[in-house]
Amino acid sequence: VRFLQVTIGVMTREPAVETLVKDNDPRVRNDLLMILGNQSYSSVSTAEGKEALRTRCLEAIRTIVKEMGGDPKKVEALYFTAFVMQ
């Protein structure tokens, strides 16, 4: 059994996009958990795997922002500020 715990930061300089992300927190969490929950240990144990996961999570947040009427390009980045695997 493996355990993955991450802390994520989303970077934007646009207050409207920040509000969209915060207002849609349950959906953001759900979509990210669905992505994270389907990872295998081998797929996230390399730097390339972590980067691919980061990119996929960023795209998920951009999709939510777009669907809520915001500009997805204003979501500049997503960072893993903690990444623990056991």
PDB file of N, CA and C in Angstrom:
ATOM      1  N   VAL A   1       0.854  -1.173   0.000  1.00  0.00           N
ATOM      2  CA  VAL A   1       0.000   0.000   0.000  1.00  0.00           C
ATOM      3  C   VAL A   1       0.893   1.227   0.000  1.00  0.00           C
ATOM      4  N   ARG A   2       0.566   2.166  -0.836  1.00  0.00           N
ATOM      5  CA  ARG A   2       1.346   3.407  -0.940  1.00  0.00           C
ATOM      6  C   ARG A   2       0.490   4.585  -0.501  1.00  0.00           C
ATOM      7  N   PHE A   3       1.167   5.643  -0.103  1.00  0.00           N
ATOM      8  CA  PHE A   3       0.506   6.840   0.383  1.00  0.00           C
ATOM      9  C   PHE A   3       1.107   8.039  -0.331  1.00  0.00           C
ATOM     10  N   LEU A   4       0.248   8.931  -0.826  1.00  0.00           N
ATOM     11  CA  LEU A   4       0.703  10.152  -1.488  1.00  0.00           C
ATOM     12  C   LEU A   4      -0.007  11.330  -0.854  1.00  0.00           C
ATOM     13  N   GLN A   5       0.773  12.286  -0.392  1.00  0.00           N
ATOM     14  CA  GLN A   5       0.212  13.514   0.160  1.00  0.00           C
ATOM     15  C   GLN A   5       0.894  14.684  -0.528  1.00  0.00           C
ATOM     16  N   VAL A   6       0.092  15.573  -1.103  1.00  0.00           N
ATOM     17  CA  VAL A   6       0.649  16.745  -1.780  1.00  0.00           C
ATOM     18  C   VAL A   6      -0.031  18.006  -1.274  1.00  0.00           C
ATOM     19  N   THR A   7       0.717  19.070  -1.338  1.00  0.00           N
ATOM     20  CA  THR A   7       0.178  20.402  -1.115  1.00  0.00           C
ATOM     21  C   THR A   7       0.426  21.157  -2.407  1.00  0.00           C
ATOM     22  N   ILE A   8      -0.605  21.850  -2.868  1.00  0.00           N
ATOM     23  CA  ILE A   8      -0.542  22.492  -4.178  1.00  0.00           C
ATOM     24  C   ILE A   8      -0.768  23.991  -4.041  1.00  0.00           C
ATOM     25  N   GLY A   9       0.005  24.762  -4.778  1.00  0.00           N
ATOM     26  CA  GLY A   9      -0.197  26.196  -4.884  1.00  0.00           C
ATOM     27  C   GLY A   9      -0.490  26.551  -6.327  1.00  0.00           C
ATOM     28  N   VAL A  10      -1.459  27.427  -6.529  1.00  0.00           N
ATOM     29  CA  VAL A  10      -1.826  27.881  -7.872  1.00  0.00           C
ATOM     30  C   VAL A  10      -1.395  29.338  -8.001  1.00  0.00           C
ATOM     31  N   MET A  11      -0.699  29.649  -9.083  1.00  0.00           N
ATOM     32  CA  MET A  11      -0.200  31.012  -9.282  1.00  0.00           C
ATOM     33  C   MET A  11      -1.022  31.748 -10.329  1.00  0.00           C
ATOM     34  N   THR A  12      -1.531  32.911  -9.936  1.00  0.00           N
ATOM     35  CA  THR A  12      -2.196  33.833 -10.844  1.00  0.00           C
ATOM     36  C   THR A  12      -1.990  35.241 -10.314  1.00  0.00           C
ATOM     37  N   ARG A  13      -1.963  36.182 -11.201  1.00  0.00           N
ATOM     38  CA  ARG A  13      -1.859  37.590 -10.799  1.00  0.00           C
ATOM     39  C   ARG A  13      -3.198  38.299 -11.014  1.00  0.00           C
ATOM     40  N   GLU A  14      -4.194  37.553 -11.434  1.00  0.00           N
ATOM     41  CA  GLU A  14      -5.506  38.082 -11.778  1.00  0.00           C
ATOM     42  C   GLU A  14      -6.481  37.821 -10.627  1.00  0.00           C
ATOM     43  N   PRO A  15      -6.929  38.873  -9.921  1.00  0.00           N
ATOM     44  CA  PRO A  15      -7.850  38.670  -8.798  1.00  0.00           C
ATOM     45  C   PRO A  15      -9.130  37.924  -9.182  1.00  0.00           C
ATOM     46  N   ALA A  16      -9.640  38.152 -10.383  1.00  0.00           N
ATOM     47  CA  ALA A  16     -10.866  37.470 -10.808  1.00  0.00           C
ATOM     48  C   ALA A  16     -10.642  35.972 -10.939  1.00  0.00           C
ATOM     49  N   VAL A  17      -9.480  35.564 -11.413  1.00  0.00           N
ATOM     50  CA  VAL A  17      -9.160  34.145 -11.547  1.00  0.00           C
ATOM     51  C   VAL A  17      -8.955  33.527 -10.170  1.00  0.00           C
ATOM     52  N   GLU A  18      -8.306  34.258  -9.293  1.00  0.00           N
ATOM     53  CA  GLU A  18      -8.132  33.776  -7.915  1.00  0.00           C
ATOM     54  C   GLU A  18      -9.491  33.519  -7.274  1.00  0.00           C
ATOM     55  N   THR A  19     -10.427  34.434  -7.484  1.00  0.00           N
ATOM     56  CA  THR A  19     -11.773  34.270  -6.943  1.00  0.00           C
ATOM     57  C   THR A  19     -12.461  33.053  -7.553  1.00  0.00           C
ATOM     58  N   LEU A  20     -12.322  32.863  -8.854  1.00  0.00           N
ATOM     59  CA  LEU A  20     -12.920  31.696  -9.513  1.00  0.00           C
ATOM     60  C   LEU A  20     -12.397  30.388  -8.925  1.00  0.00           C
ATOM     61  N   VAL A  21     -11.099  30.324  -8.718  1.00  0.00           N
ATOM     62  CA  VAL A  21     -10.508  29.106  -8.158  1.00  0.00           C
ATOM     63  C   VAL A  21     -11.022  28.883  -6.739  1.00  0.00           C
ATOM     64  N   LYS A  22     -11.042  29.929  -5.934  1.00  0.00           N
ATOM     65  CA  LYS A  22     -11.515  29.797  -4.549  1.00  0.00           C
ATOM     66  C   LYS A  22     -13.001  29.466  -4.489  1.00  0.00           C
ATOM     67  N   ASP A  23     -13.799  30.104  -5.330  1.00  0.00           N
ATOM     68  CA  ASP A  23     -15.243  29.858  -5.326  1.00  0.00           C
ATOM     69  C   ASP A  23     -15.592  28.448  -5.789  1.00  0.00           C
ATOM     70  N   ASN A  24     -14.709  27.842  -6.551  1.00  0.00           N
ATOM     71  CA  ASN A  24     -14.939  26.488  -7.064  1.00  0.00           C
ATOM     72  C   ASN A  24     -14.047  25.465  -6.366  1.00  0.00           C
ATOM     73  N   ASP A  25     -13.676  25.758  -5.127  1.00  0.00           N
ATOM     74  CA  ASP A  25     -12.788  24.894  -4.367  1.00  0.00           C
ATOM     75  C   ASP A  25     -13.253  23.437  -4.299  1.00  0.00           C
ATOM     76  N   PRO A  26     -14.535  23.147  -4.070  1.00  0.00           N
ATOM     77  CA  PRO A  26     -14.929  21.730  -4.035  1.00  0.00           C
ATOM     78  C   PRO A  26     -14.659  21.007  -5.351  1.00  0.00           C
ATOM     79  N   ARG A  27     -14.920  21.656  -6.459  1.00  0.00           N
ATOM     80  CA  ARG A  27     -14.668  21.026  -7.755  1.00  0.00           C
ATOM     81  C   ARG A  27     -13.172  20.896  -8.023  1.00  0.00           C
ATOM     82  N   VAL A  28     -12.412  21.923  -7.682  1.00  0.00           N
ATOM     83  CA  VAL A  28     -10.959  21.865  -7.860  1.00  0.00           C
ATOM     84  C   VAL A  28     -10.397  20.689  -7.066  1.00  0.00           C
ATOM     85  N   ARG A  29     -10.793  20.583  -5.803  1.00  0.00           N
ATOM     86  CA  ARG A  29     -10.309  19.488  -4.964  1.00  0.00           C
ATOM     87  C   ARG A  29     -10.720  18.133  -5.543  1.00  0.00           C
ATOM     88  N   ASN A  30     -11.971  18.022  -5.958  1.00  0.00           N
ATOM     89  CA  ASN A  30     -12.455  16.766  -6.522  1.00  0.00           C
ATOM     90  C   ASN A  30     -11.652  16.371  -7.754  1.00  0.00           C
ATOM     91  N   ASP A  31     -11.509  17.294  -8.680  1.00  0.00           N
ATOM     92  CA  ASP A  31     -10.813  16.974  -9.922  1.00  0.00           C
ATOM     93  C   ASP A  31      -9.350  16.610  -9.667  1.00  0.00           C
ATOM     94  N   LEU A  32      -8.702  17.322  -8.749  1.00  0.00           N
ATOM     95  CA  LEU A  32      -7.319  17.004  -8.434  1.00  0.00           C
ATOM     96  C   LEU A  32      -7.208  15.662  -7.720  1.00  0.00           C
ATOM     97  N   LEU A  33      -8.136  15.380  -6.814  1.00  0.00           N
ATOM     98  CA  LEU A  33      -8.122  14.085  -6.128  1.00  0.00           C
ATOM     99  C   LEU A  33      -8.349  12.934  -7.096  1.00  0.00           C
ATOM    100  N   MET A  34      -9.195  13.135  -8.084  1.00  0.00           N
ATOM    101  CA  MET A  34      -9.424  12.089  -9.079  1.00  0.00           C
ATOM    102  C   MET A  34      -8.141  11.817  -9.873  1.00  0.00           C
ATOM    103  N   ILE A  35      -7.413  12.863 -10.193  1.00  0.00           N
ATOM    104  CA  ILE A  35      -6.152  12.698 -10.909  1.00  0.00           C
ATOM    105  C   ILE A  35      -5.113  12.033 -10.002  1.00  0.00           C
ATOM    106  N   LEU A  36      -4.955  12.570  -8.799  1.00  0.00           N
ATOM    107  CA  LEU A  36      -3.929  12.064  -7.889  1.00  0.00           C
ATOM    108  C   LEU A  36      -4.201  10.637  -7.440  1.00  0.00           C
ATOM    109  N   GLY A  37      -5.468  10.312  -7.253  1.00  0.00           N
ATOM    110  CA  GLY A  37      -5.838   8.995  -6.774  1.00  0.00           C
ATOM    111  C   GLY A  37      -5.588   7.883  -7.769  1.00  0.00           C
ATOM    112  N   ASN A  38      -5.405   8.218  -9.016  1.00  0.00           N
ATOM    113  CA  ASN A  38      -5.178   7.213 -10.055  1.00  0.00           C
ATOM    114  C   ASN A  38      -3.710   7.054 -10.432  1.00  0.00           C
ATOM    115  N   GLN A  39      -2.822   7.579  -9.605  1.00  0.00           N
ATOM    116  CA  GLN A  39      -1.396   7.496  -9.909  1.00  0.00           C
ATOM    117  C   GLN A  39      -0.789   6.239  -9.301  1.00  0.00           C
ATOM    118  N   SER A  40       0.162   5.680  -9.993  1.00  0.00           N
ATOM    119  CA  SER A  40       0.920   4.566  -9.440  1.00  0.00           C
ATOM    120  C   SER A  40       2.222   5.111  -8.860  1.00  0.00           C
ATOM    121  N   TYR A  41       2.769   4.361  -7.947  1.00  0.00           N
ATOM    122  CA  TYR A  41       4.022   4.781  -7.319  1.00  0.00           C
ATOM    123  C   TYR A  41       5.117   4.987  -8.375  1.00  0.00           C
ATOM    124  N   SER A  42       5.192   4.079  -9.319  1.00  0.00           N
ATOM    125  CA  SER A  42       6.242   4.176 -10.336  1.00  0.00           C
ATOM    126  C   SER A  42       6.069   5.394 -11.236  1.00  0.00           C
ATOM    127  N   SER A  43       4.821   5.809 -11.442  1.00  0.00           N
ATOM    128  CA  SER A  43       4.598   6.949 -12.346  1.00  0.00           C
ATOM    129  C   SER A  43       4.961   8.287 -11.715  1.00  0.00           C
ATOM    130  N   VAL A  44       4.984   8.380 -10.396  1.00  0.00           N
ATOM    131  CA  VAL A  44       5.296   9.657  -9.747  1.00  0.00           C
ATOM    132  C   VAL A  44       6.607   9.609  -8.963  1.00  0.00           C
ATOM    133  N   SER A  45       7.357   8.548  -9.108  1.00  0.00           N
ATOM    134  CA  SER A  45       8.609   8.431  -8.357  1.00  0.00           C
ATOM    135  C   SER A  45       9.790   9.070  -9.092  1.00  0.00           C
ATOM    136  N   THR A  46       9.582   9.498 -10.327  1.00  0.00           N
ATOM    137  CA  THR A  46      10.648  10.164 -11.083  1.00  0.00           C
ATOM    138  C   THR A  46      10.321  11.646 -11.244  1.00  0.00           C
ATOM    139  N   ALA A  47      11.333  12.423 -11.538  1.00  0.00           N
ATOM    140  CA  ALA A  47      11.126  13.857 -11.779  1.00  0.00           C
ATOM    141  C   ALA A  47      10.212  14.073 -12.981  1.00  0.00           C
ATOM    142  N   GLU A  48      10.388  13.258 -14.017  1.00  0.00           N
ATOM    143  CA  GLU A  48       9.549  13.384 -15.214  1.00  0.00           C
ATOM    144  C   GLU A  48       8.092  13.060 -14.891  1.00  0.00           C
ATOM    145  N   GLY A  49       7.881  12.063 -14.062  1.00  0.00           N
ATOM    146  CA  GLY A  49       6.528  11.690 -13.665  1.00  0.00           C
ATOM    147  C   GLY A  49       5.854  12.777 -12.850  1.00  0.00           C
ATOM    148  N   LYS A  50       6.606  13.389 -11.947  1.00  0.00           N
ATOM    149  CA  LYS A  50       6.061  14.492 -11.139  1.00  0.00           C
ATOM    150  C   LYS A  50       5.714  15.681 -12.027  1.00  0.00           C
ATOM    151  N   GLU A  51       6.576  15.966 -12.998  1.00  0.00           N
ATOM    152  CA  GLU A  51       6.317  17.085 -13.904  1.00  0.00           C
ATOM    153  C   GLU A  51       5.082  16.820 -14.763  1.00  0.00           C
ATOM    154  N   ALA A  52       4.918  15.601 -15.231  1.00  0.00           N
ATOM    155  CA  ALA A  52       3.733  15.251 -16.024  1.00  0.00           C
ATOM    156  C   ALA A  52       2.474  15.379 -15.167  1.00  0.00           C
ATOM    157  N   LEU A  53       2.560  14.967 -13.919  1.00  0.00           N
ATOM    158  CA  LEU A  53       1.423  15.088 -13.006  1.00  0.00           C
ATOM    159  C   LEU A  53       1.100  16.555 -12.733  1.00  0.00           C
ATOM    160  N   ARG A  54       2.128  17.357 -12.546  1.00  0.00           N
ATOM    161  CA  ARG A  54       1.938  18.789 -12.313  1.00  0.00           C
ATOM    162  C   ARG A  54       1.239  19.428 -13.512  1.00  0.00           C
ATOM    163  N   THR A  55       1.678  19.086 -14.703  1.00  0.00           N
ATOM    164  CA  THR A  55       1.074  19.627 -15.917  1.00  0.00           C
ATOM    165  C   THR A  55      -0.390  19.204 -16.037  1.00  0.00           C
ATOM    166  N   ARG A  56      -0.671  17.956 -15.732  1.00  0.00           N
ATOM    167  CA  ARG A  56      -2.057  17.466 -15.811  1.00  0.00           C
ATOM    168  C   ARG A  56      -2.959  18.182 -14.804  1.00  0.00           C
ATOM    169  N   CYS A  57      -2.453  18.412 -13.609  1.00  0.00           N
ATOM    170  CA  CYS A  57      -3.231  19.128 -12.589  1.00  0.00           C
ATOM    171  C   CYS A  57      -3.461  20.586 -13.000  1.00  0.00           C
ATOM    172  N   LEU A  58      -2.447  21.212 -13.572  1.00  0.00           N
ATOM    173  CA  LEU A  58      -2.571  22.589 -14.052  1.00  0.00           C
ATOM    174  C   LEU A  58      -3.655  22.674 -15.123  1.00  0.00           C
ATOM    175  N   GLU A  59      -3.654  21.743 -16.045  1.00  0.00           N
ATOM    176  CA  GLU A  59      -4.670  21.742 -17.101  1.00  0.00           C
ATOM    177  C   GLU A  59      -6.067  21.536 -16.529  1.00  0.00           C
ATOM    178  N   ALA A  60      -6.189  20.743 -15.492  1.00  0.00           N
ATOM    179  CA  ALA A  60      -7.491  20.526 -14.856  1.00  0.00           C
ATOM    180  C   ALA A  60      -8.017  21.830 -14.257  1.00  0.00           C
ATOM    181  N   ILE A  61      -7.156  22.589 -13.614  1.00  0.00           N
ATOM    182  CA  ILE A  61      -7.573  23.862 -13.028  1.00  0.00           C
ATOM    183  C   ILE A  61      -7.894  24.868 -14.126  1.00  0.00           C
ATOM    184  N   ARG A  62      -7.095  24.897 -15.170  1.00  0.00           N
ATOM    185  CA  ARG A  62      -7.394  25.800 -16.294  1.00  0.00           C
ATOM    186  C   ARG A  62      -8.742  25.460 -16.932  1.00  0.00           C
ATOM    187  N   THR A  63      -9.072  24.192 -17.018  1.00  0.00           N
ATOM    188  CA  THR A  63     -10.364  23.783 -17.576  1.00  0.00           C
ATOM    189  C   THR A  63     -11.506  24.303 -16.723  1.00  0.00           C
ATOM    190  N   ILE A  64     -11.375  24.205 -15.415  1.00  0.00           N
ATOM    191  CA  ILE A  64     -12.415  24.705 -14.511  1.00  0.00           C
ATOM    192  C   ILE A  64     -12.571  26.209 -14.675  1.00  0.00           C
ATOM    193  N   VAL A  65     -11.463  26.928 -14.692  1.00  0.00           N
ATOM    194  CA  VAL A  65     -11.505  28.383 -14.851  1.00  0.00           C
ATOM    195  C   VAL A  65     -12.189  28.751 -16.164  1.00  0.00           C
ATOM    196  N   LYS A  66     -11.853  28.058 -17.223  1.00  0.00           N
ATOM    197  CA  LYS A  66     -12.472  28.333 -18.534  1.00  0.00           C
ATOM    198  C   LYS A  66     -13.967  28.074 -18.492  1.00  0.00           C
ATOM    199  N   GLU A  67     -14.384  26.961 -17.910  1.00  0.00           N
ATOM    200  CA  GLU A  67     -15.802  26.623 -17.847  1.00  0.00           C
ATOM    201  C   GLU A  67     -16.596  27.598 -16.987  1.00  0.00           C
ATOM    202  N   MET A  68     -15.931  28.262 -16.061  1.00  0.00           N
ATOM    203  CA  MET A  68     -16.604  29.234 -15.200  1.00  0.00           C
ATOM    204  C   MET A  68     -16.529  30.654 -15.773  1.00  0.00           C
ATOM    205  N   GLY A  69     -16.021  30.789 -16.990  1.00  0.00           N
ATOM    206  CA  GLY A  69     -16.022  32.084 -17.661  1.00  0.00           C
ATOM    207  C   GLY A  69     -14.748  32.887 -17.518  1.00  0.00           C
ATOM    208  N   GLY A  70     -13.722  32.293 -16.922  1.00  0.00           N
ATOM    209  CA  GLY A  70     -12.460  33.009 -16.769  1.00  0.00           C
ATOM    210  C   GLY A  70     -11.496  32.695 -17.898  1.00  0.00           C
ATOM    211  N   ASP A  71     -10.380  33.384 -17.886  1.00  0.00           N
ATOM    212  CA  ASP A  71      -9.344  33.179 -18.887  1.00  0.00           C
ATOM    213  C   ASP A  71      -8.345  32.148 -18.355  1.00  0.00           C
ATOM    214  N   PRO A  72      -8.325  30.947 -18.931  1.00  0.00           N
ATOM    215  CA  PRO A  72      -7.436  29.900 -18.410  1.00  0.00           C
ATOM    216  C   PRO A  72      -5.956  30.246 -18.515  1.00  0.00           C
ATOM    217  N   LYS A  73      -5.602  31.126 -19.437  1.00  0.00           N
ATOM    218  CA  LYS A  73      -4.199  31.517 -19.585  1.00  0.00           C
ATOM    219  C   LYS A  73      -3.710  32.329 -18.387  1.00  0.00           C
ATOM    220  N   LYS A  74      -4.649  32.865 -17.615  1.00  0.00           N
ATOM    221  CA  LYS A  74      -4.291  33.663 -16.439  1.00  0.00           C
ATOM    222  C   LYS A  74      -3.900  32.785 -15.250  1.00  0.00           C
ATOM    223  N   VAL A  75      -4.134  31.481 -15.370  1.00  0.00           N
ATOM    224  CA  VAL A  75      -3.604  30.541 -14.377  1.00  0.00           C
ATOM    225  C   VAL A  75      -2.190  30.237 -14.851  1.00  0.00           C
ATOM    226  N   GLU A  76      -1.236  30.927 -14.260  1.00  0.00           N
ATOM    227  CA  GLU A  76       0.130  30.895 -14.768  1.00  0.00           C
ATOM    228  C   GLU A  76       0.856  29.590 -14.477  1.00  0.00           C
ATOM    229  N   ALA A  77       0.646  29.049 -13.287  1.00  0.00           N
ATOM    230  CA  ALA A  77       1.405  27.863 -12.906  1.00  0.00           C
ATOM    231  C   ALA A  77       0.723  27.142 -11.759  1.00  0.00           C
ATOM    232  N   LEU A  78       1.128  25.913 -11.580  1.00  0.00           N
ATOM    233  CA  LEU A  78       0.723  25.116 -10.431  1.00  0.00           C
ATOM    234  C   LEU A  78       1.999  24.517  -9.871  1.00  0.00           C
ATOM    235  N   TYR A  79       2.152  24.602  -8.560  1.00  0.00           N
ATOM    236  CA  TYR A  79       3.355  24.091  -7.924  1.00  0.00           C
ATOM    237  C   TYR A  79       2.999  23.098  -6.841  1.00  0.00           C
ATOM    238  N   PHE A  80       3.774  22.034  -6.737  1.00  0.00           N
ATOM    239  CA  PHE A  80       3.679  21.140  -5.593  1.00  0.00           C
ATOM    240  C   PHE A  80       4.572  21.750  -4.518  1.00  0.00           C
ATOM    241  N   THR A  81       3.974  22.238  -3.454  1.00  0.00           N
ATOM    242  CA  THR A  81       4.766  22.843  -2.381  1.00  0.00           C
ATOM    243  C   THR A  81       5.148  21.805  -1.327  1.00  0.00           C
ATOM    244  N   ALA A  82       4.525  20.650  -1.384  1.00  0.00           N
ATOM    245  CA  ALA A  82       4.923  19.488  -0.588  1.00  0.00           C
ATOM    246  C   ALA A  82       4.542  18.257  -1.399  1.00  0.00           C
ATOM    247  N   PHE A  83       5.376  17.231  -1.326  1.00  0.00           N
ATOM    248  CA  PHE A  83       5.116  16.008  -2.091  1.00  0.00           C
ATOM    249  C   PHE A  83       5.717  14.861  -1.279  1.00  0.00           C
ATOM    250  N   VAL A  84       4.837  14.094  -0.621  1.00  0.00           N
ATOM    251  CA  VAL A  84       5.281  13.018   0.268  1.00  0.00           C
ATOM    252  C   VAL A  84       4.732  11.698  -0.250  1.00  0.00           C
ATOM    253  N   MET A  85       5.623  10.742  -0.450  1.00  0.00           N
ATOM    254  CA  MET A  85       5.229   9.387  -0.849  1.00  0.00           C
ATOM    255  C   MET A  85       5.762   8.416   0.198  1.00  0.00           C
ATOM    256  N   GLN A  86       4.927   7.456   0.556  1.00  0.00           N
ATOM    257  CA  GLN A  86       5.360   6.405   1.488  1.00  0.00           C
ATOM    258  C   GLN A  86       4.925   5.072   0.964  1.00  0.00           C
TER     259      GLN A  86
END
